[in-house]
C-alpha atoms as a PDB file:
ATOM      1  CA  UNK A   1       0.039   0.047   0.054  1.00  0.00           C
ATOM      2  CA  UNK A   2       1.128   3.642  -0.780  1.00  0.00           C
ATOM      3  CA  UNK A   3       1.623   5.664   2.711  1.00  0.00           C
ATOM      4  CA  UNK A   4       1.468   8.998   2.750  1.00  0.00           C
ATOM      5  CA  UNK A   5       1.827   9.502   6.092  1.00  0.00           C
ATOM      6  CA  UNK A   6       2.305  12.870   7.399  1.00  0.00           C
ATOM      7  CA  UNK A   7       4.731  13.787  10.123  1.00  0.00           C
ATOM      8  CA  UNK A   8       7.436  11.135   9.256  1.00  0.00           C
ATOM      9  CA  UNK A   9      10.471  14.012   8.390  1.00  0.00           C
ATOM     10  CA  UNK A  10       9.929  13.204   4.520  1.00  0.00           C
ATOM     11  CA  UNK A  11       7.318  14.044   1.892  1.00  0.00           C
ATOM     12  CA  UNK A  12       8.645  10.820   0.213  1.00  0.00           C
ATOM     13  CA  UNK A  13       6.211   8.435  -0.586  1.00  0.00           C
ATOM     14  CA  UNK A  14       6.693   5.163   1.559  1.00  0.00           C
ATOM     15  CA  UNK A  15       5.664   1.571   0.070  1.00  0.00           C
ATOM     16  CA  UNK A  16       4.144  -1.102   2.471  1.00  0.00           C
ATOM     17  CA  UNK A  17       4.557  -4.379   1.681  1.00  0.00           C
ATOM     18  CA  UNK A  18       4.141  -5.790   4.799  1.00  0.00           C
ATOM     19  CA  UNK A  19       7.137  -6.940   5.859  1.00  0.00           C
ATOM     20  CA  UNK A  20       7.839  -7.321   9.182  1.00  0.00           C
ATOM     21  CA  UNK A  21      11.144  -5.946  10.035  1.00  0.00           C
ATOM     22  CA  UNK A  22      13.103  -4.048  12.979  1.00  0.00           C
ATOM     23  CA  UNK A  23      12.087  -0.401  10.983  1.00  0.00           C
ATOM     24  CA  UNK A  24       8.957  -1.616  10.150  1.00  0.00           C
ATOM     25  CA  UNK A  25       7.268  -3.561  12.961  1.00  0.00           C
ATOM     26  CA  UNK A  26       3.533  -4.209  12.922  1.00  0.00           C
ATOM     27  CA  UNK A  27       1.128  -1.873  14.352  1.00  0.00           C
ATOM     28  CA  UNK A  28      -2.631  -0.678  13.728  1.00  0.00           C
ATOM     29  CA  UNK A  29      -1.443   1.958  11.940  1.00  0.00           C
ATOM     30  CA  UNK A  30      -0.101  -0.304   9.545  1.00  0.00           C
ATOM     31  CA  UNK A  31      -3.047  -2.525  10.178  1.00  0.00           C
ATOM     32  CA  UNK A  32      -5.476   0.116   8.428  1.00  0.00           C
ATOM     33  CA  UNK A  33      -2.899   0.313   5.404  1.00  0.00           C
ATOM     34  CA  UNK A  34      -3.700  -2.989   4.526  1.00  0.00           C
ATOM     35  CA  UNK A  35      -7.054  -3.525   5.397  1.00  0.00           C
ATOM     36  CA  UNK A  36      -7.352  -0.546   2.831  1.00  0.00           C
ATOM     37  CA  UNK A  37      -5.668  -2.583  -0.082  1.00  0.00           C
ATOM     38  CA  UNK A  38      -9.118  -4.766   0.621  1.00  0.00           C
ATOM     39  CA  UNK A  39      -7.679  -8.077  -0.592  1.00  0.00           C
ATOM     40  CA  UNK A  40     -10.410 -10.362  -1.487  1.00  0.00           C
ATOM     41  CA  UNK A  41     -11.524 -13.019  -3.576  1.00  0.00           C
ATOM     42  CA  UNK A  42     -13.732 -12.077  -5.801  1.00  0.00           C
ATOM     43  CA  UNK A  43     -17.722 -12.407  -4.325  1.00  0.00           C
ATOM     44  CA  UNK A  44     -16.258 -12.759  -1.030  1.00  0.00           C
ATOM     45  CA  UNK A  45     -15.281  -8.779  -0.612  1.00  0.00           C
ATOM     46  CA  UNK A  46     -16.359  -9.623   3.479  1.00  0.00           C
ATOM     47  CA  UNK A  47     -12.901 -12.039   3.532  1.00  0.00           C
ATOM     48  CA  UNK A  48      -9.863  -9.896   3.891  1.00  0.00           C
ATOM     49  CA  UNK A  49      -6.673 -11.390   3.670  1.00  0.00           C
ATOM     50  CA  UNK A  50      -3.655  -9.939   5.448  1.00  0.00           C
ATOM     51  CA  UNK A  51      -0.264 -11.909   4.405  1.00  0.00           C
ATOM     52  CA  UNK A  52       2.755 -10.348   6.594  1.00  0.00           C
ATOM     53  CA  UNK A  53       6.138 -12.040   6.010  1.00  0.00           C
ATOM     54  CA  UNK A  54       8.859 -11.964   7.789  1.00  0.00           C
ATOM     55  CA  UNK A  55      11.511 -13.099   5.503  1.00  0.00           C
ATOM     56  CA  UNK A  56      12.111 -16.593   6.676  1.00  0.00           C
ATOM     57  CA  UNK A  57      12.622 -15.116  10.753  1.00  0.00           C
ATOM     58  CA  UNK A  58      15.909 -14.013   9.911  1.00  0.00           C
ATOM     59  CA  UNK A  59      17.461 -13.526  13.230  1.00  0.00           C
ATOM     60  CA  UNK A  60      18.277  -9.745  12.604  1.00  0.00           C
ATOM     61  CA  UNK A  61      14.438  -9.448  13.308  1.00  0.00           C
ATOM     62  CA  UNK A  62      13.265 -11.483  15.505  1.00  0.00           C
ATOM     63  CA  UNK A  63      12.260  -7.952  17.916  1.00  0.00           C
ATOM     64  CA  UNK A  64      10.114  -7.273  14.967  1.00  0.00           C
ATOM     65  CA  UNK A  65       8.609 -10.930  14.820  1.00  0.00           C
ATOM     66  CA  UNK A  66       8.958 -12.469  18.053  1.00  0.00           C
ATOM     67  CA  UNK A  67       9.885  -9.544  20.488  1.00  0.00           C
ATOM     68  CA  UNK A  68       7.732  -7.179  22.518  1.00  0.00           C
ATOM     69  CA  UNK A  69       6.782  -5.059  18.934  1.00  0.00           C
ATOM     70  CA  UNK A  70       4.856  -7.865  17.698  1.00  0.00           C
ATOM     71  CA  UNK A  71       3.683  -9.145  21.405  1.00  0.00           C
ATOM     72  CA  UNK A  72       2.045  -5.515  21.709  1.00  0.00           C
ATOM     73  CA  UNK A  73       0.851  -5.354  17.882  1.00  0.00           C
ATOM     74  CA  UNK A  74      -0.918  -9.050  18.716  1.00  0.00           C
ATOM     75  CA  UNK A  75      -2.499  -7.485  21.699  1.00  0.00           C
ATOM     76  CA  UNK A  76      -3.707  -4.175  20.445  1.00  0.00           C
ATOM     77  CA  UNK A  77      -4.995  -6.547  17.246  1.00  0.00           C
ATOM     78  CA  UNK A  78      -6.839  -9.110  19.329  1.00  0.00           C
ATOM     79  CA  UNK A  79      -8.367  -6.775  22.082  1.00  0.00           C
ATOM     80  CA  UNK A  80      -9.414  -4.254  19.954  1.00  0.00           C
ATOM     81  CA  UNK A  81     -10.697  -6.283  17.226  1.00  0.00           C
ATOM     82  CA  UNK A  82     -14.548  -6.258  18.302  1.00  0.00           C
ATOM     83  CA  UNK A  83     -14.572  -2.018  18.648  1.00  0.00           C
ATOM     84  CA  UNK A  84     -12.677  -2.230  15.090  1.00  0.00           C
ATOM     85  CA  UNK A  85     -15.327  -4.758  13.800  1.00  0.00           C
ATOM     86  CA  UNK A  86     -12.864  -7.499  12.702  1.00  0.00           C
ATOM     87  CA  UNK A  87     -13.227 -11.125  12.457  1.00  0.00           C
ATOM     88  CA  UNK A  88      -9.468 -12.121  13.558  1.00  0.00           C
ATOM     89  CA  UNK A  89      -8.282 -15.951  11.685  1.00  0.00           C
ATOM     90  CA  UNK A  90      -4.730 -16.759  12.244  1.00  0.00           C
ATOM     91  CA  UNK A  91      -4.196 -19.262   9.484  1.00  0.00           C
ATOM     92  CA  UNK A  92      -1.084 -20.761   8.179  1.00  0.00           C
ATOM     93  CA  UNK A  93       0.003 -20.890   4.381  1.00  0.00           C
ATOM     94  CA  UNK A  94      -1.860 -24.098   3.610  1.00  0.00           C
ATOM     95  CA  UNK A  95      -5.148 -23.235   5.633  1.00  0.00           C
ATOM     96  CA  UNK A  96      -4.994 -19.829   3.715  1.00  0.00           C
ATOM     97  CA  UNK A  97      -5.105 -21.526   0.546  1.00  0.00           C
ATOM     98  CA  UNK A  98      -8.052 -23.917   1.807  1.00  0.00           C
ATOM     99  CA  UNK A  99      -9.942 -19.947   3.156  1.00  0.00           C
ATOM    100  CA  UNK A 100      -8.988 -19.210  -0.613  1.00  0.00           C
ATOM    101  CA  UNK A 101     -10.544 -22.100  -2.221  1.00  0.00           C
ATOM    102  CA  UNK A 102     -13.380 -21.808  -0.655  1.00  0.00           C
ATOM    103  CA  UNK A 103     -14.066 -18.341  -1.173  1.00  0.00           C
ATOM    104  CA  UNK A 104     -13.115 -19.028  -5.069  1.00  0.00           C
ATOM    105  CA  UNK A 105     -15.735 -22.068  -4.565  1.00  0.00           C
ATOM    106  CA  UNK A 106     -18.847 -19.528  -3.033  1.00  0.00           C
ATOM    107  CA  UNK A 107     -18.319 -21.013   0.199  1.00  0.00           C
ATOM    108  CA  UNK A 108     -20.521 -18.959   3.094  1.00  0.00           C
ATOM    109  CA  UNK A 109     -19.768 -18.883   6.579  1.00  0.00           C
ATOM    110  CA  UNK A 110     -16.963 -18.292   8.836  1.00  0.00           C
ATOM    111  CA  UNK A 111     -13.312 -18.397   7.136  1.00  0.00           C
ATOM    112  CA  UNK A 112     -11.942 -20.418   9.571  1.00  0.00           C
ATOM    113  CA  UNK A 113     -14.594 -22.994   8.943  1.00  0.00           C
ATOM    114  CA  UNK A 114     -12.428 -24.256   5.753  1.00  0.00           C
ATOM    115  CA  UNK A 115      -9.119 -24.427   7.198  1.00  0.00           C
ATOM    116  CA  UNK A 116      -8.671 -27.824   5.554  1.00  0.00           C
ATOM    117  CA  UNK A 117     -11.418 -27.204   2.921  1.00  0.00           C
ATOM    118  CA  UNK A 118      -9.461 -29.089   0.612  1.00  0.00           C
ATOM    119  CA  UNK A 119      -5.676 -29.411   1.354  1.00  0.00           C
ATOM    120  CA  UNK A 120      -5.090 -31.598   4.827  1.00  0.00           C
ATOM    121  CA  UNK A 121      -2.007 -32.422   6.357  1.00  0.00           C
ATOM    122  CA  UNK A 122       0.323 -34.392   5.709  1.00  0.00           C
ATOM    123  CA  UNK A 123       0.793 -35.428   8.783  1.00  0.00           C
ATOM    124  CA  UNK A 124      -0.237 -34.705  12.428  1.00  0.00           C
ATOM    125  CA  UNK A 125       1.473 -31.880  14.369  1.00  0.00           C
ATOM    126  CA  UNK A 126       1.934 -32.648  18.272  1.00  0.00           C
ATOM    127  CA  UNK A 127      -0.988 -30.585  18.982  1.00  0.00           C
ATOM    128  CA  UNK A 128      -3.082 -33.035  17.278  1.00  0.00           C
ATOM    129  CA  UNK A 129      -2.441 -36.063  19.206  1.00  0.00           C
ATOM    130  CA  UNK A 130      -4.772 -36.445  22.158  1.00  0.00           C
ATOM    131  CA  UNK A 131      -2.515 -36.929  24.944  1.00  0.00           C
ATOM    132  CA  UNK A 132       0.897 -37.888  25.243  1.00  0.00           C
ATOM    133  CA  UNK A 133       1.718 -41.507  24.372  1.00  0.00           C
ATOM    134  CA  UNK A 134      -1.717 -42.215  22.877  1.00  0.00           C
ATOM    135  CA  UNK A 135      -1.533 -44.020  19.249  1.00  0.00           C
ATOM    136  CA  UNK A 136      -4.856 -42.240  18.733  1.00  0.00           C
ATOM    137  CA  UNK A 137      -4.530 -39.052  16.583  1.00  0.00           C
ATOM    138  CA  UNK A 138      -7.056 -35.960  17.265  1.00  0.00           C
ATOM    139  CA  UNK A 139      -7.047 -33.760  14.454  1.00  0.00           C
ATOM    140  CA  UNK A 140      -8.647 -29.955  15.352  1.00  0.00           C
ATOM    141  CA  UNK A 141      -9.999 -28.340  12.871  1.00  0.00           C
END
């Protein structure tokens, strides 16, 4: 998104590419830009997709991706969601693809219902096991 933010000490145009770095941490201000981009699927404008990236978790950017700046952002994001009329879904890349495919197929309801729409996990994660030592697998949606 183009960012014409005043008060940055520069009249130059800034392009926000949703990268999470030390110089560009996630903020509620940036969230407004990402929402303005209105990335969605034709026919589902109410399902916005905001994909952030962090260059493979570059260790030099740890503060921006895991530190206090990110913790503050996530807290503000979650706590203020209802006031902003946002419904949040934190998803993996696979789950995002599934939600996109569901939107392309005209599915309705909560996007979270479509995390496993077509592409399923190739193997269960540790969180999928009912309890330690169990051979039973409980796949969560």
